[in-house]
mmCIF file of all heavy atoms, coordinates in Angstrom:
data_MODEL
# 
_entry.id   MODEL 
# 
loop_
_atom_site.group_PDB 
_atom_site.id 
_atom_site.type_symbol 
_atom_site.label_atom_id 
_atom_site.label_alt_id 
_atom_site.label_comp_id 
_atom_site.label_asym_id 
_atom_site.label_entity_id 
_atom_site.label_seq_id 
_atom_site.pdbx_PDB_ins_code 
_atom_site.Cartn_x 
_atom_site.Cartn_y 
_atom_site.Cartn_z 
_atom_site.occupancy 
_atom_site.B_iso_or_equiv 
_atom_site.pdbx_formal_charge 
_atom_site.auth_seq_id 
_atom_site.auth_comp_id 
_atom_site.auth_asym_id 
_atom_site.auth_atom_id 
_atom_site.pdbx_PDB_model_num 
ATOM 1   N N   . PHE A 1 1  ? 149.575 97.481  -31.290 1.00 0.00 ? 1  PHE A N   1 
ATOM 2   C CA  . PHE A 1 1  ? 149.134 98.330  -32.400 1.00 0.00 ? 1  PHE A CA  1 
ATOM 3   C C   . PHE A 1 1  ? 147.976 97.729  -33.166 1.00 0.00 ? 1  PHE A C   1 
ATOM 4   O O   . PHE A 1 1  ? 147.022 98.417  -33.513 1.00 0.00 ? 1  PHE A O   1 
ATOM 5   C CB  . PHE A 1 1  ? 150.321 98.580  -33.324 1.00 0.00 ? 1  PHE A CB  1 
ATOM 6   C CG  . PHE A 1 1  ? 150.001 99.425  -34.527 1.00 0.00 ? 1  PHE A CG  1 
ATOM 7   C CD1 . PHE A 1 1  ? 149.841 100.784 -34.404 1.00 0.00 ? 1  PHE A CD1 1 
ATOM 8   C CD2 . PHE A 1 1  ? 149.865 98.840  -35.781 1.00 0.00 ? 1  PHE A CD2 1 
ATOM 9   C CE1 . PHE A 1 1  ? 149.552 101.571 -35.506 1.00 0.00 ? 1  PHE A CE1 1 
ATOM 10  C CE2 . PHE A 1 1  ? 149.582 99.613  -36.882 1.00 0.00 ? 1  PHE A CE2 1 
ATOM 11  C CZ  . PHE A 1 1  ? 149.423 100.984 -36.749 1.00 0.00 ? 1  PHE A CZ  1 
ATOM 12  N N   . SER A 1 2  ? 148.027 96.443  -33.438 1.00 0.00 ? 2  SER A N   1 
ATOM 13  C CA  . SER A 1 2  ? 147.033 95.824  -34.311 1.00 0.00 ? 2  SER A CA  1 
ATOM 14  C C   . SER A 1 2  ? 145.674 95.655  -33.642 1.00 0.00 ? 2  SER A C   1 
ATOM 15  O O   . SER A 1 2  ? 144.716 95.242  -34.278 1.00 0.00 ? 2  SER A O   1 
ATOM 16  C CB  . SER A 1 2  ? 147.540 94.468  -34.791 1.00 0.00 ? 2  SER A CB  1 
ATOM 17  O OG  . SER A 1 2  ? 147.740 93.603  -33.687 1.00 0.00 ? 2  SER A OG  1 
ATOM 18  N N   . THR A 1 3  ? 145.571 95.982  -32.365 1.00 0.00 ? 3  THR A N   1 
ATOM 19  C CA  . THR A 1 3  ? 144.315 95.784  -31.638 1.00 0.00 ? 3  THR A CA  1 
ATOM 20  C C   . THR A 1 3  ? 143.285 96.860  -31.954 1.00 0.00 ? 3  THR A C   1 
ATOM 21  O O   . THR A 1 3  ? 142.086 96.615  -31.851 1.00 0.00 ? 3  THR A O   1 
ATOM 22  C CB  . THR A 1 3  ? 144.589 95.777  -30.120 1.00 0.00 ? 3  THR A CB  1 
ATOM 23  O OG1 . THR A 1 3  ? 145.516 94.743  -29.816 1.00 0.00 ? 3  THR A OG1 1 
ATOM 24  C CG2 . THR A 1 3  ? 143.308 95.562  -29.324 1.00 0.00 ? 3  THR A CG2 1 
ATOM 25  N N   . TYR A 1 4  ? 143.744 98.054  -32.353 1.00 0.00 ? 4  TYR A N   1 
ATOM 26  C CA  . TYR A 1 4  ? 142.828 99.180  -32.472 1.00 0.00 ? 4  TYR A CA  1 
ATOM 27  C C   . TYR A 1 4  ? 142.879 99.841  -33.839 1.00 0.00 ? 4  TYR A C   1 
ATOM 28  O O   . TYR A 1 4  ? 143.924 99.884  -34.486 1.00 0.00 ? 4  TYR A O   1 
ATOM 29  C CB  . TYR A 1 4  ? 143.166 100.225 -31.408 1.00 0.00 ? 4  TYR A CB  1 
ATOM 30  C CG  . TYR A 1 4  ? 142.990 99.697  -30.015 1.00 0.00 ? 4  TYR A CG  1 
ATOM 31  C CD1 . TYR A 1 4  ? 144.081 99.268  -29.267 1.00 0.00 ? 4  TYR A CD1 1 
ATOM 32  C CD2 . TYR A 1 4  ? 141.728 99.601  -29.453 1.00 0.00 ? 4  TYR A CD2 1 
ATOM 33  C CE1 . TYR A 1 4  ? 143.912 98.752  -27.999 1.00 0.00 ? 4  TYR A CE1 1 
ATOM 34  C CE2 . TYR A 1 4  ? 141.556 99.090  -28.178 1.00 0.00 ? 4  TYR A CE2 1 
ATOM 35  C CZ  . TYR A 1 4  ? 142.647 98.669  -27.464 1.00 0.00 ? 4  TYR A CZ  1 
ATOM 36  O OH  . TYR A 1 4  ? 142.472 98.157  -26.198 1.00 0.00 ? 4  TYR A OH  1 
ATOM 37  N N   . PRO A 1 5  ? 141.749 100.404 -34.244 1.00 0.00 ? 5  PRO A N   1 
ATOM 38  C CA  . PRO A 1 5  ? 141.762 101.260 -35.435 1.00 0.00 ? 5  PRO A CA  1 
ATOM 39  C C   . PRO A 1 5  ? 142.640 102.488 -35.195 1.00 0.00 ? 5  PRO A C   1 
ATOM 40  O O   . PRO A 1 5  ? 142.934 102.851 -34.049 1.00 0.00 ? 5  PRO A O   1 
ATOM 41  C CB  . PRO A 1 5  ? 140.292 101.665 -35.593 1.00 0.00 ? 5  PRO A CB  1 
ATOM 42  C CG  . PRO A 1 5  ? 139.518 100.627 -34.844 1.00 0.00 ? 5  PRO A CG  1 
ATOM 43  C CD  . PRO A 1 5  ? 140.395 100.217 -33.716 1.00 0.00 ? 5  PRO A CD  1 
ATOM 44  N N   . MET A 1 6  ? 143.019 103.108 -36.287 1.00 0.00 ? 6  MET A N   1 
ATOM 45  C CA  . MET A 1 6  ? 143.830 104.316 -36.215 1.00 0.00 ? 6  MET A CA  1 
ATOM 46  C C   . MET A 1 6  ? 143.208 105.390 -37.103 1.00 0.00 ? 6  MET A C   1 
ATOM 47  O O   . MET A 1 6  ? 142.634 105.084 -38.160 1.00 0.00 ? 6  MET A O   1 
ATOM 48  C CB  . MET A 1 6  ? 145.257 104.043 -36.691 1.00 0.00 ? 6  MET A CB  1 
ATOM 49  C CG  . MET A 1 6  ? 146.036 103.064 -35.828 1.00 0.00 ? 6  MET A CG  1 
ATOM 50  S SD  . MET A 1 6  ? 146.431 103.736 -34.203 1.00 0.00 ? 6  MET A SD  1 
ATOM 51  C CE  . MET A 1 6  ? 147.550 105.059 -34.651 1.00 0.00 ? 6  MET A CE  1 
ATOM 52  N N   . GLY A 1 7  ? 143.351 106.614 -36.688 1.00 0.00 ? 7  GLY A N   1 
ATOM 53  C CA  . GLY A 1 7  ? 142.773 107.712 -37.460 1.00 0.00 ? 7  GLY A CA  1 
ATOM 54  C C   . GLY A 1 7  ? 143.773 108.811 -37.755 1.00 0.00 ? 7  GLY A C   1 
ATOM 55  O O   . GLY A 1 7  ? 144.821 108.904 -37.104 1.00 0.00 ? 7  GLY A O   1 
ATOM 56  N N   . TRP A 1 8  ? 143.432 109.612 -38.750 1.00 0.00 ? 8  TRP A N   1 
ATOM 57  C CA  . TRP A 1 8  ? 144.161 110.836 -39.064 1.00 0.00 ? 8  TRP A CA  1 
ATOM 58  C C   . TRP A 1 8  ? 143.193 112.017 -38.951 1.00 0.00 ? 8  TRP A C   1 
ATOM 59  O O   . TRP A 1 8  ? 142.044 111.945 -39.442 1.00 0.00 ? 8  TRP A O   1 
ATOM 60  C CB  . TRP A 1 8  ? 144.734 110.801 -40.484 1.00 0.00 ? 8  TRP A CB  1 
ATOM 61  C CG  . TRP A 1 8  ? 145.939 109.951 -40.670 1.00 0.00 ? 8  TRP A CG  1 
ATOM 62  C CD1 . TRP A 1 8  ? 145.968 108.663 -41.127 1.00 0.00 ? 8  TRP A CD1 1 
ATOM 63  C CD2 . TRP A 1 8  ? 147.302 110.319 -40.411 1.00 0.00 ? 8  TRP A CD2 1 
ATOM 64  N NE1 . TRP A 1 8  ? 147.270 108.211 -41.175 1.00 0.00 ? 8  TRP A NE1 1 
ATOM 65  C CE2 . TRP A 1 8  ? 148.102 109.207 -40.746 1.00 0.00 ? 8  TRP A CE2 1 
ATOM 66  C CE3 . TRP A 1 8  ? 147.930 111.476 -39.946 1.00 0.00 ? 8  TRP A CE3 1 
ATOM 67  C CZ2 . TRP A 1 8  ? 149.499 109.216 -40.620 1.00 0.00 ? 8  TRP A CZ2 1 
ATOM 68  C CZ3 . TRP A 1 8  ? 149.308 111.488 -39.822 1.00 0.00 ? 8  TRP A CZ3 1 
ATOM 69  C CH2 . TRP A 1 8  ? 150.071 110.366 -40.158 1.00 0.00 ? 8  TRP A CH2 1 
ATOM 70  N N   . PHE A 1 9  ? 143.671 113.063 -38.335 1.00 0.00 ? 9  PHE A N   1 
ATOM 71  C CA  . PHE A 1 9  ? 142.950 114.327 -38.240 1.00 0.00 ? 9  PHE A CA  1 
ATOM 72  C C   . PHE A 1 9  ? 143.881 115.423 -38.758 1.00 0.00 ? 9  PHE A C   1 
ATOM 73  O O   . PHE A 1 9  ? 145.089 115.194 -38.912 1.00 0.00 ? 9  PHE A O   1 
ATOM 74  C CB  . PHE A 1 9  ? 142.566 114.636 -36.791 1.00 0.00 ? 9  PHE A CB  1 
ATOM 75  C CG  . PHE A 1 9  ? 141.366 113.881 -36.304 1.00 0.00 ? 9  PHE A CG  1 
ATOM 76  C CD1 . PHE A 1 9  ? 141.414 112.516 -36.089 1.00 0.00 ? 9  PHE A CD1 1 
ATOM 77  C CD2 . PHE A 1 9  ? 140.175 114.543 -36.027 1.00 0.00 ? 9  PHE A CD2 1 
ATOM 78  C CE1 . PHE A 1 9  ? 140.311 111.817 -35.635 1.00 0.00 ? 9  PHE A CE1 1 
ATOM 79  C CE2 . PHE A 1 9  ? 139.063 113.858 -35.563 1.00 0.00 ? 9  PHE A CE2 1 
ATOM 80  C CZ  . PHE A 1 9  ? 139.130 112.498 -35.365 1.00 0.00 ? 9  PHE A CZ  1 
ATOM 81  N N   . ARG A 1 10 ? 143.315 116.606 -38.961 1.00 0.00 ? 10 ARG A N   1 
ATOM 82  C CA  . ARG A 1 10 ? 144.153 117.749 -39.341 1.00 0.00 ? 10 ARG A CA  1 
ATOM 83  C C   . ARG A 1 10 ? 143.578 119.024 -38.745 1.00 0.00 ? 10 ARG A C   1 
ATOM 84  O O   . ARG A 1 10 ? 142.375 119.107 -38.464 1.00 0.00 ? 10 ARG A O   1 
ATOM 85  C CB  . ARG A 1 10 ? 144.260 117.873 -40.860 1.00 0.00 ? 10 ARG A CB  1 
ATOM 86  C CG  . ARG A 1 10 ? 142.958 118.236 -41.574 1.00 0.00 ? 10 ARG A CG  1 
ATOM 87  C CD  . ARG A 1 10 ? 143.160 118.199 -43.078 1.00 0.00 ? 10 ARG A CD  1 
ATOM 88  N NE  . ARG A 1 10 ? 141.950 118.578 -43.797 1.00 0.00 ? 10 ARG A NE  1 
ATOM 89  C CZ  . ARG A 1 10 ? 141.832 118.538 -45.117 1.00 0.00 ? 10 ARG A CZ  1 
ATOM 90  N NH1 . ARG A 1 10 ? 142.853 118.128 -45.873 1.00 0.00 ? 10 ARG A NH1 1 
ATOM 91  N NH2 . ARG A 1 10 ? 140.702 118.899 -45.698 1.00 0.00 ? 10 ARG A NH2 1 
ATOM 92  N N   . GLN A 1 11 ? 144.467 119.990 -38.581 1.00 0.00 ? 11 GLN A N   1 
ATOM 93  C CA  . GLN A 1 11 ? 144.051 121.278 -38.039 1.00 0.00 ? 11 GLN A CA  1 
ATOM 94  C C   . GLN A 1 11 ? 144.744 122.391 -38.800 1.00 0.00 ? 11 GLN A C   1 
ATOM 95  O O   . GLN A 1 11 ? 145.976 122.508 -38.767 1.00 0.00 ? 11 GLN A O   1 
ATOM 96  C CB  . GLN A 1 11 ? 144.378 121.385 -36.551 1.00 0.00 ? 11 GLN A CB  1 
ATOM 97  C CG  . GLN A 1 11 ? 143.814 122.618 -35.892 1.00 0.00 ? 11 GLN A CG  1 
ATOM 98  C CD  . GLN A 1 11 ? 143.844 122.550 -34.385 1.00 0.00 ? 11 GLN A CD  1 
ATOM 99  O OE1 . GLN A 1 11 ? 144.547 121.729 -33.790 1.00 0.00 ? 11 GLN A OE1 1 
ATOM 100 N NE2 . GLN A 1 11 ? 143.073 123.390 -33.738 1.00 0.00 ? 11 GLN A NE2 1 
ATOM 101 N N   . ALA A 1 12 ? 143.937 123.173 -39.486 1.00 0.00 ? 12 ALA A N   1 
ATOM 102 C CA  . ALA A 1 12 ? 144.436 124.328 -40.221 1.00 0.00 ? 12 ALA A CA  1 
ATOM 103 C C   . ALA A 1 12 ? 144.471 125.542 -39.293 1.00 0.00 ? 12 ALA A C   1 
ATOM 104 O O   . ALA A 1 12 ? 143.768 125.558 -38.268 1.00 0.00 ? 12 ALA A O   1 
ATOM 105 C CB  . ALA A 1 12 ? 143.547 124.602 -41.426 1.00 0.00 ? 12 ALA A CB  1 
ATOM 106 N N   . PRO A 1 13 ? 145.247 126.552 -39.636 1.00 0.00 ? 13 PRO A N   1 
ATOM 107 C CA  . PRO A 1 13 ? 145.310 127.749 -38.799 1.00 0.00 ? 13 PRO A CA  1 
ATOM 108 C C   . PRO A 1 13 ? 143.924 128.348 -38.566 1.00 0.00 ? 13 PRO A C   1 
ATOM 109 O O   . PRO A 1 13 ? 143.129 128.459 -39.498 1.00 0.00 ? 13 PRO A O   1 
ATOM 110 C CB  . PRO A 1 13 ? 146.194 128.688 -39.610 1.00 0.00 ? 13 PRO A CB  1 
ATOM 111 C CG  . PRO A 1 13 ? 147.041 127.797 -40.441 1.00 0.00 ? 13 PRO A CG  1 
ATOM 112 C CD  . PRO A 1 13 ? 146.173 126.624 -40.779 1.00 0.00 ? 13 PRO A CD  1 
ATOM 113 N N   . ARG A 1 14 ? 143.642 128.635 -37.319 1.00 0.00 ? 14 ARG A N   1 
ATOM 114 C CA  . ARG A 1 14 ? 142.390 129.302 -36.914 1.00 0.00 ? 14 ARG A CA  1 
ATOM 115 C C   . ARG A 1 14 ? 141.156 128.442 -37.184 1.00 0.00 ? 14 ARG A C   1 
ATOM 116 O O   . ARG A 1 14 ? 140.043 128.947 -37.257 1.00 0.00 ? 14 ARG A O   1 
ATOM 117 C CB  . ARG A 1 14 ? 142.247 130.664 -37.610 1.00 0.00 ? 14 ARG A CB  1 
ATOM 118 C CG  . ARG A 1 14 ? 143.364 131.642 -37.236 1.00 0.00 ? 14 ARG A CG  1 
ATOM 119 C CD  . ARG A 1 14 ? 143.267 132.914 -38.046 1.00 0.00 ? 14 ARG A CD  1 
ATOM 120 N NE  . ARG A 1 14 ? 143.425 132.659 -39.464 1.00 0.00 ? 14 ARG A NE  1 
ATOM 121 C CZ  . ARG A 1 14 ? 144.576 132.472 -40.061 1.00 0.00 ? 14 ARG A CZ  1 
ATOM 122 N NH1 . ARG A 1 14 ? 145.696 132.489 -39.361 1.00 0.00 ? 14 ARG A NH1 1 
ATOM 123 N NH2 . ARG A 1 14 ? 144.628 132.270 -41.370 1.00 0.00 ? 14 ARG A NH2 1 
ATOM 124 N N   . LYS A 1 15 ? 141.362 127.137 -37.309 1.00 0.00 ? 15 LYS A N   1 
ATOM 125 C CA  . LYS A 1 15 ? 140.221 126.238 -37.503 1.00 0.00 ? 15 LYS A CA  1 
ATOM 126 C C   . LYS A 1 15 ? 140.249 125.110 -36.481 1.00 0.00 ? 15 LYS A C   1 
ATOM 127 O O   . LYS A 1 15 ? 141.279 124.834 -35.869 1.00 0.00 ? 15 LYS A O   1 
ATOM 128 C CB  . LYS A 1 15 ? 140.240 125.666 -38.920 1.00 0.00 ? 15 LYS A CB  1 
ATOM 129 C CG  . LYS A 1 15 ? 139.955 126.696 -40.002 1.00 0.00 ? 15 LYS A CG  1 
ATOM 130 C CD  . LYS A 1 15 ? 139.783 126.025 -41.347 1.00 0.00 ? 15 LYS A CD  1 
ATOM 131 C CE  . LYS A 1 15 ? 139.416 127.030 -42.428 1.00 0.00 ? 15 LYS A CE  1 
ATOM 132 N NZ  . LYS A 1 15 ? 139.231 126.371 -43.752 1.00 0.00 ? 15 LYS A NZ  1 
ATOM 133 N N   . GLU A 1 16 ? 139.112 124.455 -36.341 1.00 0.00 ? 16 GLU A N   1 
ATOM 134 C CA  . GLU A 1 16 ? 139.015 123.313 -35.447 1.00 0.00 ? 16 GLU A CA  1 
ATOM 135 C C   . GLU A 1 16 ? 139.720 122.102 -36.070 1.00 0.00 ? 16 GLU A C   1 
ATOM 136 O O   . GLU A 1 16 ? 139.819 121.983 -37.291 1.00 0.00 ? 16 GLU A O   1 
ATOM 137 C CB  . GLU A 1 16 ? 137.538 122.961 -35.210 1.00 0.00 ? 16 GLU A CB  1 
ATOM 138 C CG  . GLU A 1 16 ? 136.732 124.036 -34.525 1.00 0.00 ? 16 GLU A CG  1 
ATOM 139 C CD  . GLU A 1 16 ? 137.137 124.180 -33.074 1.00 0.00 ? 16 GLU A CD  1 
ATOM 140 O OE1 . GLU A 1 16 ? 137.364 123.158 -32.414 1.00 0.00 ? 16 GLU A OE1 1 
ATOM 141 O OE2 . GLU A 1 16 ? 137.218 125.335 -32.600 1.00 0.00 ? 16 GLU A OE2 1 
ATOM 142 N N   . ARG A 1 17 ? 140.177 121.215 -35.211 1.00 0.00 ? 17 ARG A N   1 
ATOM 143 C CA  . ARG A 1 17 ? 140.745 119.973 -35.714 1.00 0.00 ? 17 ARG A CA  1 
ATOM 144 C C   . ARG A 1 17 ? 139.619 119.149 -36.345 1.00 0.00 ? 17 ARG A C   1 
ATOM 145 O O   . ARG A 1 17 ? 138.524 119.035 -35.769 1.00 0.00 ? 17 ARG A O   1 
ATOM 146 C CB  . ARG A 1 17 ? 141.401 119.201 -34.570 1.00 0.00 ? 17 ARG A CB  1 
ATOM 147 C CG  . ARG A 1 17 ? 142.292 118.057 -35.038 1.00 0.00 ? 17 ARG A CG  1 
ATOM 148 C CD  . ARG A 1 17 ? 143.079 117.466 -33.882 1.00 0.00 ? 17 ARG A CD  1 
ATOM 149 N NE  . ARG A 1 17 ? 143.991 118.436 -33.280 1.00 0.00 ? 17 ARG A NE  1 
ATOM 150 C CZ  . ARG A 1 17 ? 144.911 118.122 -32.377 1.00 0.00 ? 17 ARG A CZ  1 
ATOM 151 N NH1 . ARG A 1 17 ? 145.045 116.863 -31.975 1.00 0.00 ? 17 ARG A NH1 1 
ATOM 152 N NH2 . ARG A 1 17 ? 145.692 119.053 -31.864 1.00 0.00 ? 17 ARG A NH2 1 
ATOM 153 N N   . GLU A 1 18 ? 139.902 118.567 -37.499 1.00 0.00 ? 18 GLU A N   1 
ATOM 154 C CA  . GLU A 1 18 ? 138.857 117.850 -38.218 1.00 0.00 ? 18 GLU A CA  1 
ATOM 155 C C   . GLU A 1 18 ? 139.317 116.459 -38.633 1.00 0.00 ? 18 GLU A C   1 
ATOM 156 O O   . GLU A 1 18 ? 140.503 116.223 -38.885 1.00 0.00 ? 18 GLU A O   1 
ATOM 157 C CB  . GLU A 1 18 ? 138.416 118.627 -39.464 1.00 0.00 ? 18 GLU A CB  1 
ATOM 158 C CG  . GLU A 1 18 ? 139.482 118.791 -40.515 1.00 0.00 ? 18 GLU A CG  1 
ATOM 159 C CD  . GLU A 1 18 ? 138.962 119.487 -41.768 1.00 0.00 ? 18 GLU A CD  1 
ATOM 160 O OE1 . GLU A 1 18 ? 137.795 119.930 -41.787 1.00 0.00 ? 18 GLU A OE1 1 
ATOM 161 O OE2 . GLU A 1 18 ? 139.728 119.566 -42.746 1.00 0.00 ? 18 GLU A OE2 1 
ATOM 162 N N   . PHE A 1 19 ? 138.355 115.581 -38.714 1.00 0.00 ? 19 PHE A N   1 
ATOM 163 C CA  . PHE A 1 19 ? 138.590 114.204 -39.124 1.00 0.00 ? 19 PHE A CA  1 
ATOM 164 C C   . PHE A 1 19 ? 139.033 114.141 -40.584 1.00 0.00 ? 19 PHE A C   1 
ATOM 165 O O   . PHE A 1 19 ? 138.502 114.864 -41.439 1.00 0.00 ? 19 PHE A O   1 
ATOM 166 C CB  . PHE A 1 19 ? 137.295 113.412 -38.934 1.00 0.00 ? 19 PHE A CB  1 
ATOM 167 C CG  . PHE A 1 19 ? 137.276 112.059 -39.581 1.00 0.00 ? 19 PHE A CG  1 
ATOM 168 C CD1 . PHE A 1 19 ? 137.954 110.994 -39.006 1.00 0.00 ? 19 PHE A CD1 1 
ATOM 169 C CD2 . PHE A 1 19 ? 136.582 111.855 -40.755 1.00 0.00 ? 19 PHE A CD2 1 
ATOM 170 C CE1 . PHE A 1 19 ? 137.924 109.744 -39.594 1.00 0.00 ? 19 PHE A CE1 1 
ATOM 171 C CE2 . PHE A 1 19 ? 136.547 110.611 -41.356 1.00 0.00 ? 19 PHE A CE2 1 
ATOM 172 C CZ  . PHE A 1 19 ? 137.224 109.548 -40.769 1.00 0.00 ? 19 PHE A CZ  1 
ATOM 173 N N   . VAL A 1 20 ? 139.971 113.236 -40.859 1.00 0.00 ? 20 VAL A N   1 
ATOM 174 C CA  . VAL A 1 20 ? 140.425 113.003 -42.225 1.00 0.00 ? 20 VAL A CA  1 
ATOM 175 C C   . VAL A 1 20 ? 140.111 111.578 -42.671 1.00 0.00 ? 20 VAL A C   1 
ATOM 176 O O   . VAL A 1 20 ? 139.462 111.362 -43.686 1.00 0.00 ? 20 VAL A O   1 
ATOM 177 C CB  . VAL A 1 20 ? 141.937 113.271 -42.366 1.00 0.00 ? 20 VAL A CB  1 
ATOM 178 C CG1 . VAL A 1 20 ? 142.424 112.887 -43.761 1.00 0.00 ? 20 VAL A CG1 1 
ATOM 179 C CG2 . VAL A 1 20 ? 142.257 114.724 -42.061 1.00 0.00 ? 20 VAL A CG2 1 
ATOM 180 N N   . ALA A 1 21 ? 140.571 110.604 -41.892 1.00 0.00 ? 21 ALA A N   1 
ATOM 181 C CA  . ALA A 1 21 ? 140.395 109.203 -42.292 1.00 0.00 ? 21 ALA A CA  1 
ATOM 182 C C   . ALA A 1 21 ? 140.579 108.296 -41.090 1.00 0.00 ? 21 ALA A C   1 
ATOM 183 O O   . ALA A 1 21 ? 141.222 108.660 -40.112 1.00 0.00 ? 21 ALA A O   1 
ATOM 184 C CB  . ALA A 1 21 ? 141.388 108.825 -43.385 1.00 0.00 ? 21 ALA A CB  1 
ATOM 185 N N   . VAL A 1 22 ? 140.017 107.095 -41.199 1.00 0.00 ? 22 VAL A N   1 
ATOM 186 C CA  . VAL A 1 22 ? 140.182 106.075 -40.168 1.00 0.00 ? 22 VAL A CA  1 
ATOM 187 C C   . VAL A 1 22 ? 140.325 104.720 -40.850 1.00 0.00 ? 22 VAL A C   1 
ATOM 188 O O   . VAL A 1 22 ? 139.797 104.512 -41.947 1.00 0.00 ? 22 VAL A O   1 
ATOM 189 C CB  . VAL A 1 22 ? 138.990 106.082 -39.184 1.00 0.00 ? 22 VAL A CB  1 
ATOM 190 C CG1 . VAL A 1 22 ? 137.704 105.702 -39.890 1.00 0.00 ? 22 VAL A CG1 1 
ATOM 191 C CG2 . VAL A 1 22 ? 139.248 105.181 -37.985 1.00 0.00 ? 22 VAL A CG2 1 
ATOM 192 N N   . ILE A 1 23 ? 141.044 103.824 -40.183 1.00 0.00 ? 23 ILE A N   1 
ATOM 193 C CA  . ILE A 1 23 ? 141.239 102.485 -40.720 1.00 0.00 ? 23 ILE A CA  1 
ATOM 194 C C   . ILE A 1 23 ? 141.043 101.476 -39.601 1.00 0.00 ? 23 ILE A C   1 
ATOM 195 O O   . ILE A 1 23 ? 141.463 101.703 -38.463 1.00 0.00 ? 23 ILE A O   1 
ATOM 196 C CB  . ILE A 1 23 ? 142.635 102.344 -41.369 1.00 0.00 ? 23 ILE A CB  1 
ATOM 197 C CG1 . ILE A 1 23 ? 142.779 101.015 -42.094 1.00 0.00 ? 23 ILE A CG1 1 
ATOM 198 C CG2 . ILE A 1 23 ? 143.760 102.549 -40.349 1.00 0.00 ? 23 ILE A CG2 1 
ATOM 199 C CD1 . ILE A 1 23 ? 143.985 100.955 -43.012 1.00 0.00 ? 23 ILE A CD1 1 
ATOM 200 N N   . SER A 1 24 ? 140.398 100.365 -39.922 1.00 0.00 ? 24 SER A N   1 
ATOM 201 C CA  . SER A 1 24 ? 140.159 99.321  -38.931 1.00 0.00 ? 24 SER A CA  1 
ATOM 202 C C   . SER A 1 24 ? 141.462 98.646  -38.534 1.00 0.00 ? 24 SER A C   1 
ATOM 203 O O   . SER A 1 24 ? 142.497 98.821  -39.186 1.00 0.00 ? 24 SER A O   1 
ATOM 204 C CB  . SER A 1 24 ? 139.187 98.290  -39.493 1.00 0.00 ? 24 SER A CB  1 
ATOM 205 O OG  . SER A 1 24 ? 139.765 97.640  -40.616 1.00 0.00 ? 24 SER A OG  1 
ATOM 206 N N   . ARG A 1 25 ? 141.411 97.828  -37.508 1.00 0.00 ? 25 ARG A N   1 
ATOM 207 C CA  . ARG A 1 25 ? 142.639 97.226  -37.000 1.00 0.00 ? 25 ARG A CA  1 
ATOM 208 C C   . ARG A 1 25 ? 143.261 96.268  -38.010 1.00 0.00 ? 25 ARG A C   1 
ATOM 209 O O   . ARG A 1 25 ? 144.474 96.109  -38.052 1.00 0.00 ? 25 ARG A O   1 
ATOM 210 C CB  . ARG A 1 25 ? 142.383 96.512  -35.676 1.00 0.00 ? 25 ARG A CB  1 
ATOM 211 C CG  . ARG A 1 25 ? 141.235 95.541  -35.694 1.00 0.00 ? 25 ARG A CG  1 
ATOM 212 C CD  . ARG A 1 25 ? 141.025 94.966  -34.317 1.00 0.00 ? 25 ARG A CD  1 
ATOM 213 N NE  . ARG A 1 25 ? 139.861 94.093  -34.268 1.00 0.00 ? 25 ARG A NE  1 
ATOM 214 C CZ  . ARG A 1 25 ? 139.581 93.305  -33.256 1.00 0.00 ? 25 ARG A CZ  1 
ATOM 215 N NH1 . ARG A 1 25 ? 140.373 93.281  -32.195 1.00 0.00 ? 25 ARG A NH1 1 
ATOM 216 N NH2 . ARG A 1 25 ? 138.511 92.549  -33.265 1.00 0.00 ? 25 ARG A NH2 1 
# 
């Protein structure tokens, strides 16, 4: 787990998935 950054995305109804946040390892 600690080797890679992790991100959060979100997808609202009828919309494309979009970036929310990312954090370094």
